[in-house]
Amino acid sequence: MRGDRFAYFLNAVHYCIWRGSRRLQLVIDKVIGRFLLFFGVLFLSPKKQERLDIHIANREKETYGYFNNKKRGFHILFANDNFGFFYGGYSIFISFLLNGIYIRVFEYINPVLLIVMLVVPIWLCYIPAYRAVFTNDNYLKYYKKFEKMDKSWHRKWVMITWAFCVGGILAFFGGIIALFAIAIGWNNVHLPFSGY
């Protein structure tokens, strides 16, 4: 049961990132389309306007598969990358904490061990996420469920996704601060916003 909730959460976040990417592209396409329409009306002859309209329609048909393919399309690859980046922020926090403790406890700093202590927690934390989202294209099964959900569900999960993404960024920077605070002592850490 616990694994199902974890998989549901990660797939919902992945879905919201993918959906947000698609919606952003639609907005950009509308803005560019309106600009081209305005440009065409002002500066092009009626014959050239017609050619521009045909070109825009053909471009939309040609690029639809490239952008919206749920296995290898632009938006799914964008969602995969961003999901990995934001999810990685939490595991990087753990890595930085371990490195800070290692530097504080031992005077001799072995760079190989520091790298291992940085990579292993990230790798160990990414395995469950990979299994929950990407193994056997699990996200496609969840996407079918999520597309049927109502508007309130989408609003709720968009907010959760934003919190997840901001939390990943804060965890990354918090990990850096924690690394230095643990390694050299909090009294020796002078943050730019701390006032001294």
Protein backbone atom coordinates (compact mmCIF):
# COMPACT_ATOMS: atom_id res chain seq x y z
CA MET A 1 0.00 0.00 0.00
CA ARG A 2 2.77 2.42 0.91
CA GLY A 3 4.58 1.80 -2.38
CA ASP A 4 1.36 2.45 -4.28
CA ARG A 5 0.93 5.84 -2.63
CA PHE A 6 4.56 6.71 -3.33
CA ALA A 7 4.19 5.70 -6.98
CA TYR A 8 0.90 7.60 -7.24
CA PHE A 9 2.52 10.73 -5.80
CA LEU A 10 5.55 10.61 -8.08
CA ASN A 11 3.49 9.86 -11.17
CA ALA A 12 1.07 12.67 -10.35
CA VAL A 13 3.98 15.10 -10.01
CA HIS A 14 5.48 13.83 -13.28
CA TYR A 15 2.08 14.18 -14.98
CA CYS A 16 1.67 17.76 -13.76
CA ILE A 17 5.14 18.72 -15.01
CA TRP A 18 4.31 17.17 -18.39
CA ARG A 19 0.92 18.85 -18.53
CA GLY A 20 2.42 22.21 -17.56
CA SER A 21 4.97 21.91 -20.35
CA ARG A 22 2.23 21.20 -22.87
CA ARG A 23 0.13 24.10 -21.65
CA LEU A 24 3.10 26.45 -21.85
CA GLN A 25 3.72 25.39 -25.44
CA LEU A 26 0.08 26.08 -26.32
CA VAL A 27 0.35 29.58 -24.86
CA ILE A 28 3.57 30.25 -26.74
CA ASP A 29 2.03 28.94 -29.97
CA LYS A 30 -0.97 31.23 -29.52
CA VAL A 31 1.24 34.26 -28.91
CA ILE A 32 3.45 33.51 -31.91
CA GLY A 33 0.40 32.69 -34.04
CA ARG A 34 -1.24 35.99 -33.19
CA PHE A 35 1.99 37.85 -33.88
CA LEU A 36 2.28 36.14 -37.28
CA LEU A 37 -1.36 36.92 -38.02
CA PHE A 38 -0.82 40.57 -37.09
CA PHE A 39 2.39 40.63 -39.12
CA GLY A 40 0.64 39.04 -42.09
CA VAL A 41 -2.26 41.49 -42.06
CA LEU A 42 0.04 44.50 -41.88
CA PHE A 43 2.87 43.58 -44.18
CA LEU A 44 1.88 40.76 -46.52
CA SER A 45 -0.26 40.65 -49.60
CA PRO A 46 -3.36 38.44 -49.52
CA LYS A 47 -1.58 35.74 -51.54
CA LYS A 48 1.37 35.70 -49.12
CA GLN A 49 -1.03 35.68 -46.16
CA GLU A 50 -2.64 32.56 -47.56
CA ARG A 51 0.76 30.90 -47.96
CA LEU A 52 1.64 31.84 -44.38
CA ASP A 53 -1.61 30.33 -43.09
CA ILE A 54 -0.95 27.09 -45.00
CA HIS A 55 2.61 26.99 -43.67
CA ILE A 56 1.44 27.45 -40.07
CA ALA A 57 -1.19 24.72 -40.44
CA ASN A 58 1.35 22.31 -41.96
CA ARG A 59 3.86 23.09 -39.23
CA GLU A 60 1.32 22.24 -36.54
CA LYS A 61 0.59 18.89 -38.20
CA GLU A 62 4.28 18.07 -38.64
CA THR A 63 5.35 18.96 -35.13
CA TYR A 64 2.38 17.53 -33.22
CA GLY A 65 3.93 14.06 -32.95
CA TYR A 66 7.32 15.45 -32.02
CA PHE A 67 5.95 17.48 -29.15
CA ASN A 68 3.12 15.28 -27.87
CA ASN A 69 4.39 11.72 -28.23
CA LYS A 70 4.00 10.26 -24.74
CA LYS A 71 7.00 7.95 -25.05
CA ARG A 72 9.70 10.03 -26.76
CA GLY A 73 8.13 13.43 -27.36
CA PHE A 74 9.62 16.75 -26.38
CA HIS A 75 7.25 17.34 -23.47
CA ILE A 76 7.75 13.90 -21.93
CA LEU A 77 11.53 14.27 -22.15
CA PHE A 78 11.22 17.73 -20.59
CA ALA A 79 9.09 16.27 -17.79
CA ASN A 80 11.58 13.43 -17.25
CA ASP A 81 14.51 15.83 -16.96
CA ASN A 82 12.76 18.26 -14.65
CA PHE A 83 11.32 15.49 -12.51
CA GLY A 84 14.81 14.05 -12.06
CA PHE A 85 16.23 17.48 -11.27
CA PHE A 86 13.65 18.34 -8.62
CA TYR A 87 13.58 14.85 -7.12
CA GLY A 88 17.36 14.86 -7.04
CA GLY A 89 17.38 17.97 -4.87
CA TYR A 90 16.15 15.95 -1.91
CA SER A 91 18.77 13.23 -2.26
CA ILE A 92 21.50 15.81 -2.83
CA PHE A 93 20.54 17.29 0.53
CA ILE A 94 21.30 13.93 2.15
CA SER A 95 24.57 13.69 0.23
CA PHE A 96 25.68 17.12 1.37
CA LEU A 97 24.80 16.31 4.97
CA LEU A 98 26.89 13.14 4.84
CA ASN A 99 29.79 15.01 3.26
CA GLY A 100 29.57 17.72 5.92
CA ILE A 101 29.65 15.14 8.71
CA TYR A 102 32.58 13.35 7.07
CA ILE A 103 34.56 16.57 6.70
CA ARG A 104 33.78 17.58 10.30
CA VAL A 105 34.73 14.23 11.85
CA PHE A 106 37.83 13.37 9.84
CA GLU A 107 40.63 15.82 9.24
CA TYR A 108 41.96 14.03 6.19
CA ILE A 109 39.65 14.54 3.23
CA ASN A 110 39.71 11.78 0.66
CA PRO A 111 38.23 13.14 -2.59
CA VAL A 112 37.23 9.68 -3.81
CA LEU A 113 35.26 9.04 -0.65
CA LEU A 114 33.61 12.46 -0.92
CA ILE A 115 32.49 11.68 -4.46
CA VAL A 116 31.22 8.25 -3.41
CA MET A 117 29.31 9.82 -0.53
CA LEU A 118 27.83 12.30 -2.98
CA VAL A 119 26.83 9.79 -5.66
CA VAL A 120 25.62 6.79 -3.63
CA PRO A 121 22.73 8.54 -1.80
CA ILE A 122 21.56 10.11 -5.05
CA TRP A 123 21.69 6.74 -6.76
CA LEU A 124 19.96 4.94 -3.88
CA CYS A 125 17.20 7.54 -3.69
CA TYR A 126 16.63 7.56 -7.44
CA ILE A 127 16.07 3.79 -7.71
CA PRO A 128 12.59 3.83 -6.10
CA ALA A 129 11.57 6.83 -8.20
CA TYR A 130 12.76 5.15 -11.37
CA ARG A 131 10.89 1.97 -10.50
CA ALA A 132 7.72 3.87 -9.62
CA VAL A 133 7.63 6.11 -12.69
CA PHE A 134 9.75 4.84 -15.56
CA THR A 135 9.88 1.03 -15.29
CA ASN A 136 7.66 -0.49 -17.99
CA ASP A 137 6.38 3.01 -18.73
CA ASN A 138 4.28 3.06 -15.56
CA TYR A 139 3.64 6.75 -16.05
CA LEU A 140 1.52 5.98 -19.13
CA LYS A 141 -0.84 3.86 -17.02
CA TYR A 142 -1.14 6.62 -14.48
CA TYR A 143 -1.56 9.27 -17.18
CA LYS A 144 -4.70 7.50 -18.39
CA LYS A 145 -6.12 7.70 -14.87
CA PHE A 146 -5.06 11.29 -14.34
CA GLU A 147 -6.53 12.56 -17.61
CA LYS A 148 -9.97 11.42 -16.42
CA MET A 149 -9.74 13.35 -13.15
CA ASP A 150 -11.76 16.50 -12.62
CA LYS A 151 -10.54 20.08 -12.54
CA SER A 152 -10.28 20.27 -8.74
CA TRP A 153 -7.96 17.26 -8.71
CA HIS A 154 -5.74 18.94 -11.31
CA ARG A 155 -5.63 22.19 -9.32
CA LYS A 156 -4.72 20.34 -6.15
CA TRP A 157 -1.91 18.40 -7.80
CA VAL A 158 -0.54 21.42 -9.62
CA MET A 159 -0.11 23.08 -6.21
CA ILE A 160 1.48 19.92 -4.80
CA THR A 161 3.80 19.78 -7.81
CA TRP A 162 4.83 23.39 -7.31
CA ALA A 163 5.55 22.66 -3.64
CA PHE A 164 7.54 19.56 -4.62
CA CYS A 165 9.62 21.51 -7.15
CA VAL A 166 10.28 24.46 -4.86
CA GLY A 167 11.09 22.03 -2.05
CA GLY A 168 13.63 20.28 -4.27
CA ILE A 169 15.35 23.57 -5.03
CA LEU A 170 15.32 24.61 -1.37
CA ALA A 171 16.65 21.20 -0.34
CA PHE A 172 19.54 21.60 -2.77
CA PHE A 173 20.55 25.00 -1.45
CA GLY A 174 19.79 23.96 2.13
CA GLY A 175 22.13 21.02 1.63
CA ILE A 176 24.92 23.33 0.54
CA ILE A 177 24.38 25.54 3.59
CA ALA A 178 24.21 22.48 5.85
CA LEU A 179 27.42 21.11 4.33
CA PHE A 180 29.34 24.26 5.20
CA ALA A 181 27.61 24.71 8.55
CA ILE A 182 28.50 21.19 9.65
CA ALA A 183 31.95 21.07 8.07
CA ILE A 184 33.34 24.37 9.34
CA GLY A 185 30.94 25.18 12.14
CA TRP A 186 27.87 27.37 12.09
CA ASN A 187 29.69 30.28 13.76
CA ASN A 188 32.08 30.49 10.81
CA VAL A 189 29.37 30.51 8.13
CA HIS A 190 28.45 34.02 7.02
CA LEU A 191 25.45 34.05 4.74
CA PRO A 192 24.83 37.12 2.59
CA PHE A 193 21.38 37.65 4.11
CA SER A 194 22.32 37.00 7.74
CA GLY A 195 23.20 40.61 8.52
CA TYR A 196 26.78 40.32 9.74
